[in-house]
């Protein structure tokens, strides 16, 4: 498993692309599967983008409303070893796909690197 973002040229032609954003770009609709259990709510995303909440608050809310409600073993099994989790933010920017990677490391001791 790895993570990346929709605009990365590194994912071109790869399979097992999984969107963990509810609305992937239109040009990805036929190439990605959406894994809804890891998708943040629109409200949470907008509160962060509008600077209503901080990164810390976003992380806290994402954990409490999504990750803490899921079984990491089940999620990892459903996604598969070869999956590439995608969202919008470029590498190095704060994003929830890296929170998911951190969650897998904390719970399963599995490293999920950025592609």
N, C-alpha and C. Protein backbone atom coordinates (compact mmCIF):
# COMPACT_ATOMS: atom_id res chain seq x y z
N UNK A 1 0.84 -1.18 0.00
CA UNK A 1 0.00 0.00 0.00
C UNK A 1 0.88 1.24 0.00
N UNK A 2 0.42 2.23 -0.73
CA UNK A 2 1.11 3.52 -0.80
C UNK A 2 0.06 4.63 -0.82
N UNK A 3 0.51 5.87 -0.74
CA UNK A 3 -0.39 7.00 -0.89
C UNK A 3 0.15 7.91 -1.99
N UNK A 4 -0.73 8.71 -2.55
CA UNK A 4 -0.34 9.70 -3.55
C UNK A 4 -1.50 10.69 -3.71
N UNK A 5 -1.41 11.52 -4.73
CA UNK A 5 -2.47 12.50 -4.97
C UNK A 5 -2.89 12.45 -6.43
N UNK A 6 -4.09 12.93 -6.69
CA UNK A 6 -4.67 12.82 -8.02
C UNK A 6 -3.80 13.43 -9.12
N UNK A 7 -3.09 14.51 -8.81
CA UNK A 7 -2.31 15.20 -9.83
C UNK A 7 -0.92 14.65 -10.06
N UNK A 8 -0.55 13.60 -9.38
CA UNK A 8 0.80 13.04 -9.50
C UNK A 8 0.98 12.28 -10.81
N UNK A 9 2.06 12.57 -11.52
CA UNK A 9 2.34 11.83 -12.75
C UNK A 9 2.80 10.40 -12.43
N UNK A 10 3.20 10.15 -11.20
CA UNK A 10 3.68 8.83 -10.81
C UNK A 10 2.58 7.77 -10.82
N UNK A 11 1.31 8.19 -10.78
CA UNK A 11 0.22 7.21 -10.74
C UNK A 11 -0.34 6.89 -12.12
N UNK A 12 0.14 7.60 -13.14
CA UNK A 12 -0.38 7.38 -14.49
C UNK A 12 -0.18 5.92 -14.91
N UNK A 13 -1.25 5.29 -15.31
CA UNK A 13 -1.21 3.92 -15.79
C UNK A 13 -1.20 2.85 -14.71
N UNK A 14 -1.18 3.25 -13.45
CA UNK A 14 -1.19 2.26 -12.37
C UNK A 14 -2.60 1.77 -12.09
N UNK A 15 -2.69 0.58 -11.53
CA UNK A 15 -3.99 0.05 -11.14
C UNK A 15 -4.11 0.11 -9.62
N UNK A 16 -5.19 -0.37 -9.10
CA UNK A 16 -5.47 -0.37 -7.67
C UNK A 16 -5.48 1.04 -7.07
N UNK A 17 -5.95 2.01 -7.85
CA UNK A 17 -6.08 3.38 -7.35
C UNK A 17 -7.37 3.50 -6.56
N UNK A 18 -7.24 4.00 -5.33
CA UNK A 18 -8.39 4.11 -4.43
C UNK A 18 -8.52 5.56 -3.99
N UNK A 19 -9.66 6.16 -4.30
CA UNK A 19 -9.93 7.51 -3.81
C UNK A 19 -10.44 7.42 -2.39
N UNK A 20 -9.85 8.22 -1.50
CA UNK A 20 -10.40 8.34 -0.16
C UNK A 20 -10.96 9.75 0.00
N UNK A 21 -11.36 10.31 -1.13
CA UNK A 21 -12.12 11.56 -1.20
C UNK A 21 -13.44 11.23 -1.88
N UNK A 22 -14.53 11.75 -1.35
CA UNK A 22 -15.86 11.42 -1.89
C UNK A 22 -16.01 11.80 -3.36
N UNK A 23 -15.37 12.89 -3.75
CA UNK A 23 -15.54 13.36 -5.13
C UNK A 23 -14.17 13.47 -5.81
N UNK A 24 -13.72 12.37 -6.40
CA UNK A 24 -12.46 12.47 -7.15
C UNK A 24 -12.68 13.33 -8.40
N UNK A 25 -11.60 13.80 -9.01
CA UNK A 25 -11.76 14.57 -10.25
C UNK A 25 -12.53 13.75 -11.29
N UNK A 26 -13.29 14.44 -12.12
CA UNK A 26 -14.13 13.77 -13.11
C UNK A 26 -13.34 12.83 -14.00
N UNK A 27 -12.12 13.22 -14.36
CA UNK A 27 -11.31 12.39 -15.24
C UNK A 27 -10.82 11.11 -14.55
N UNK A 28 -11.06 10.96 -13.25
CA UNK A 28 -10.68 9.76 -12.51
C UNK A 28 -11.87 8.84 -12.24
N UNK A 29 -13.06 9.28 -12.52
CA UNK A 29 -14.25 8.52 -12.13
C UNK A 29 -14.27 7.09 -12.64
N UNK A 30 -13.74 6.85 -13.82
CA UNK A 30 -13.75 5.49 -14.37
C UNK A 30 -12.49 4.70 -14.05
N UNK A 31 -11.53 5.32 -13.34
CA UNK A 31 -10.27 4.63 -13.06
C UNK A 31 -10.09 4.31 -11.59
N UNK A 32 -10.78 4.99 -10.71
CA UNK A 32 -10.59 4.76 -9.28
C UNK A 32 -11.84 4.16 -8.65
N UNK A 33 -11.61 3.47 -7.56
CA UNK A 33 -12.69 3.05 -6.69
C UNK A 33 -12.71 4.05 -5.54
N UNK A 34 -13.88 4.36 -5.03
CA UNK A 34 -13.99 5.24 -3.87
C UNK A 34 -14.20 4.37 -2.65
N UNK A 35 -13.32 4.54 -1.67
CA UNK A 35 -13.46 3.80 -0.42
C UNK A 35 -14.08 4.77 0.60
N UNK A 36 -15.40 4.76 0.66
CA UNK A 36 -16.15 5.72 1.45
C UNK A 36 -15.84 5.74 2.95
N UNK A 37 -15.54 4.59 3.56
CA UNK A 37 -15.28 4.64 5.01
C UNK A 37 -14.14 5.57 5.42
N UNK A 38 -13.19 5.85 4.52
CA UNK A 38 -12.07 6.73 4.87
C UNK A 38 -12.25 8.17 4.37
N UNK A 39 -13.36 8.44 3.71
CA UNK A 39 -13.59 9.78 3.17
C UNK A 39 -14.04 10.74 4.27
N UNK A 40 -13.34 11.88 4.39
CA UNK A 40 -13.79 12.87 5.37
C UNK A 40 -15.09 13.52 4.90
N UNK A 41 -15.82 14.07 5.84
CA UNK A 41 -17.06 14.76 5.47
C UNK A 41 -16.72 16.07 4.75
N UNK A 42 -17.65 16.49 3.93
CA UNK A 42 -17.50 17.77 3.22
C UNK A 42 -17.33 18.90 4.23
N UNK A 43 -18.10 18.85 5.30
CA UNK A 43 -18.02 19.89 6.33
C UNK A 43 -16.63 19.97 6.95
N UNK A 44 -16.04 18.83 7.27
CA UNK A 44 -14.71 18.82 7.87
C UNK A 44 -13.68 19.41 6.91
N UNK A 45 -13.74 19.02 5.66
CA UNK A 45 -12.81 19.53 4.65
C UNK A 45 -12.96 21.04 4.51
N UNK A 46 -14.20 21.51 4.42
CA UNK A 46 -14.43 22.95 4.24
C UNK A 46 -14.00 23.77 5.46
N UNK A 47 -14.23 23.23 6.65
CA UNK A 47 -13.80 23.96 7.85
C UNK A 47 -12.28 24.12 7.87
N UNK A 48 -11.57 23.11 7.42
CA UNK A 48 -10.11 23.22 7.36
C UNK A 48 -9.68 24.19 6.25
N UNK A 49 -10.26 24.04 5.06
CA UNK A 49 -9.87 24.90 3.94
C UNK A 49 -10.18 26.37 4.21
N UNK A 50 -11.22 26.64 4.97
CA UNK A 50 -11.59 28.03 5.30
C UNK A 50 -10.91 28.52 6.58
N UNK A 51 -9.97 27.72 7.10
CA UNK A 51 -9.21 28.05 8.32
C UNK A 51 -10.09 28.22 9.55
N UNK A 52 -11.22 27.54 9.56
CA UNK A 52 -12.08 27.55 10.74
C UNK A 52 -11.49 26.63 11.81
N UNK A 53 -10.85 25.55 11.34
CA UNK A 53 -10.16 24.65 12.27
C UNK A 53 -8.70 24.50 11.84
N UNK A 54 -7.85 24.13 12.77
CA UNK A 54 -6.43 23.94 12.51
C UNK A 54 -6.16 22.50 12.05
N UNK A 55 -4.92 22.24 11.65
CA UNK A 55 -4.53 20.87 11.30
C UNK A 55 -4.75 19.94 12.49
N UNK A 56 -4.38 20.40 13.66
CA UNK A 56 -4.55 19.59 14.87
C UNK A 56 -6.03 19.24 15.08
N UNK A 57 -6.91 20.24 14.94
CA UNK A 57 -8.34 20.00 15.13
C UNK A 57 -8.90 19.08 14.04
N UNK A 58 -8.41 19.26 12.82
CA UNK A 58 -8.83 18.39 11.72
C UNK A 58 -8.45 16.95 12.05
N UNK A 59 -7.19 16.75 12.45
CA UNK A 59 -6.73 15.40 12.77
C UNK A 59 -7.55 14.79 13.90
N UNK A 60 -7.80 15.56 14.92
CA UNK A 60 -8.58 15.07 16.06
C UNK A 60 -9.99 14.66 15.62
N UNK A 61 -10.62 15.50 14.81
CA UNK A 61 -11.97 15.19 14.34
C UNK A 61 -11.98 14.01 13.36
N UNK A 62 -10.98 13.93 12.50
CA UNK A 62 -10.91 12.82 11.55
C UNK A 62 -10.74 11.50 12.29
N UNK A 63 -9.90 11.50 13.30
CA UNK A 63 -9.75 10.29 14.11
C UNK A 63 -11.05 9.94 14.83
N UNK A 64 -11.64 10.93 15.50
CA UNK A 64 -12.81 10.62 16.34
C UNK A 64 -14.05 10.25 15.53
N UNK A 65 -14.21 10.83 14.35
CA UNK A 65 -15.43 10.55 13.57
C UNK A 65 -15.25 9.46 12.54
N UNK A 66 -14.01 9.14 12.18
CA UNK A 66 -13.79 8.14 11.14
C UNK A 66 -12.88 7.01 11.60
N UNK A 67 -11.62 7.31 11.83
CA UNK A 67 -10.65 6.25 12.10
C UNK A 67 -10.95 5.45 13.36
N UNK A 68 -11.37 6.13 14.42
CA UNK A 68 -11.67 5.43 15.67
C UNK A 68 -12.88 4.50 15.56
N UNK A 69 -13.66 4.68 14.50
CA UNK A 69 -14.87 3.86 14.29
C UNK A 69 -14.60 2.66 13.39
N UNK A 70 -13.38 2.54 12.89
CA UNK A 70 -13.05 1.48 11.95
C UNK A 70 -12.07 0.48 12.54
N UNK A 71 -12.09 -0.71 11.99
CA UNK A 71 -11.14 -1.76 12.36
C UNK A 71 -9.99 -1.70 11.35
N UNK A 72 -8.78 -1.31 11.78
CA UNK A 72 -7.68 -1.15 10.83
C UNK A 72 -7.33 -2.43 10.07
N UNK A 73 -7.44 -3.59 10.71
CA UNK A 73 -7.15 -4.85 10.01
C UNK A 73 -8.14 -5.08 8.87
N UNK A 74 -9.42 -4.83 9.15
CA UNK A 74 -10.45 -5.01 8.14
C UNK A 74 -10.25 -4.03 6.98
N UNK A 75 -9.97 -2.78 7.31
CA UNK A 75 -9.78 -1.76 6.28
C UNK A 75 -8.59 -2.12 5.40
N UNK A 76 -7.48 -2.50 6.03
CA UNK A 76 -6.29 -2.86 5.26
C UNK A 76 -6.58 -4.05 4.35
N UNK A 77 -7.27 -5.03 4.87
CA UNK A 77 -7.62 -6.22 4.09
C UNK A 77 -8.52 -5.85 2.90
N UNK A 78 -9.50 -4.97 3.14
CA UNK A 78 -10.41 -4.56 2.06
C UNK A 78 -9.69 -3.76 0.99
N UNK A 79 -8.73 -2.94 1.39
CA UNK A 79 -8.01 -2.11 0.43
C UNK A 79 -6.97 -2.92 -0.34
N UNK A 80 -6.27 -3.80 0.35
CA UNK A 80 -5.26 -4.64 -0.29
C UNK A 80 -3.86 -4.05 -0.26
N UNK A 81 -2.89 -4.94 -0.29
CA UNK A 81 -1.47 -4.56 -0.21
C UNK A 81 -1.03 -3.64 -1.34
N UNK A 82 -1.60 -3.81 -2.52
CA UNK A 82 -1.14 -3.07 -3.69
C UNK A 82 -1.89 -1.76 -3.95
N UNK A 83 -2.82 -1.41 -3.08
CA UNK A 83 -3.62 -0.21 -3.33
C UNK A 83 -2.80 1.06 -3.16
N UNK A 84 -3.25 2.09 -3.87
CA UNK A 84 -2.66 3.43 -3.76
C UNK A 84 -3.79 4.36 -3.36
N UNK A 85 -3.70 4.89 -2.14
CA UNK A 85 -4.74 5.76 -1.60
C UNK A 85 -4.52 7.18 -2.10
N UNK A 86 -5.57 7.77 -2.65
CA UNK A 86 -5.46 9.09 -3.27
C UNK A 86 -6.38 10.12 -2.64
N UNK A 87 -5.87 11.35 -2.56
CA UNK A 87 -6.69 12.52 -2.27
C UNK A 87 -6.10 13.68 -3.06
N UNK A 88 -6.49 14.89 -2.78
CA UNK A 88 -6.13 16.03 -3.62
C UNK A 88 -4.80 16.71 -3.30
N UNK A 89 -4.41 16.73 -2.05
CA UNK A 89 -3.25 17.52 -1.65
C UNK A 89 -1.94 16.94 -2.17
N UNK A 90 -1.05 17.81 -2.60
CA UNK A 90 0.25 17.40 -3.12
C UNK A 90 1.09 16.79 -2.00
N UNK A 91 2.09 16.02 -2.40
CA UNK A 91 3.02 15.43 -1.44
C UNK A 91 3.63 16.52 -0.57
N UNK A 92 3.70 16.25 0.72
CA UNK A 92 4.28 17.20 1.66
C UNK A 92 3.28 18.15 2.28
N UNK A 93 2.08 18.25 1.71
CA UNK A 93 1.03 19.09 2.28
C UNK A 93 0.23 18.26 3.29
N UNK A 94 -0.34 18.94 4.26
CA UNK A 94 -1.20 18.27 5.24
C UNK A 94 -2.39 17.66 4.52
N UNK A 95 -2.66 16.38 4.81
CA UNK A 95 -3.81 15.73 4.18
C UNK A 95 -4.21 14.50 4.98
N UNK A 96 -5.43 14.05 4.74
CA UNK A 96 -5.94 12.91 5.49
C UNK A 96 -5.36 11.58 5.03
N UNK A 97 -4.84 11.49 3.81
CA UNK A 97 -4.24 10.21 3.40
C UNK A 97 -3.02 9.89 4.23
N UNK A 98 -2.28 10.92 4.65
CA UNK A 98 -1.13 10.69 5.52
C UNK A 98 -1.59 10.36 6.93
N UNK A 99 -2.77 10.84 7.34
CA UNK A 99 -3.33 10.44 8.63
C UNK A 99 -3.69 8.96 8.60
N UNK A 100 -4.21 8.51 7.47
CA UNK A 100 -4.53 7.09 7.32
C UNK A 100 -3.25 6.26 7.39
N UNK A 101 -2.20 6.73 6.73
CA UNK A 101 -0.91 6.02 6.78
C UNK A 101 -0.40 5.95 8.22
N UNK A 102 -0.52 7.05 8.94
CA UNK A 102 -0.10 7.09 10.35
C UNK A 102 -0.92 6.11 11.18
N UNK A 103 -2.21 6.05 10.92
CA UNK A 103 -3.13 5.14 11.62
C UNK A 103 -2.74 3.68 11.40
N UNK A 104 -2.40 3.33 10.15
CA UNK A 104 -1.95 1.96 9.88
C UNK A 104 -0.65 1.66 10.63
N UNK A 105 0.25 2.63 10.68
CA UNK A 105 1.51 2.43 11.39
C UNK A 105 1.25 2.23 12.89
N UNK A 106 0.40 3.08 13.45
CA UNK A 106 0.10 3.01 14.89
C UNK A 106 -0.60 1.70 15.27
N UNK A 107 -1.49 1.24 14.43
CA UNK A 107 -2.32 0.09 14.77
C UNK A 107 -1.83 -1.25 14.25
N UNK A 108 -1.16 -1.25 13.11
CA UNK A 108 -0.75 -2.51 12.50
C UNK A 108 0.76 -2.59 12.31
N UNK A 109 1.46 -1.51 12.65
CA UNK A 109 2.90 -1.42 12.43
C UNK A 109 3.26 -1.64 10.96
N UNK A 110 2.44 -1.10 10.09
CA UNK A 110 2.65 -1.19 8.64
C UNK A 110 2.99 0.20 8.13
N UNK A 111 4.12 0.29 7.43
CA UNK A 111 4.51 1.56 6.80
C UNK A 111 3.77 1.72 5.49
N UNK A 112 3.18 2.89 5.30
CA UNK A 112 2.49 3.21 4.06
C UNK A 112 3.16 4.47 3.50
N UNK A 113 4.16 4.28 2.63
CA UNK A 113 4.91 5.43 2.13
C UNK A 113 4.15 6.21 1.06
N UNK A 114 4.58 7.43 0.85
CA UNK A 114 4.08 8.26 -0.25
C UNK A 114 4.80 7.80 -1.52
N UNK A 115 4.06 7.62 -2.59
CA UNK A 115 4.63 7.18 -3.87
C UNK A 115 5.55 8.25 -4.42
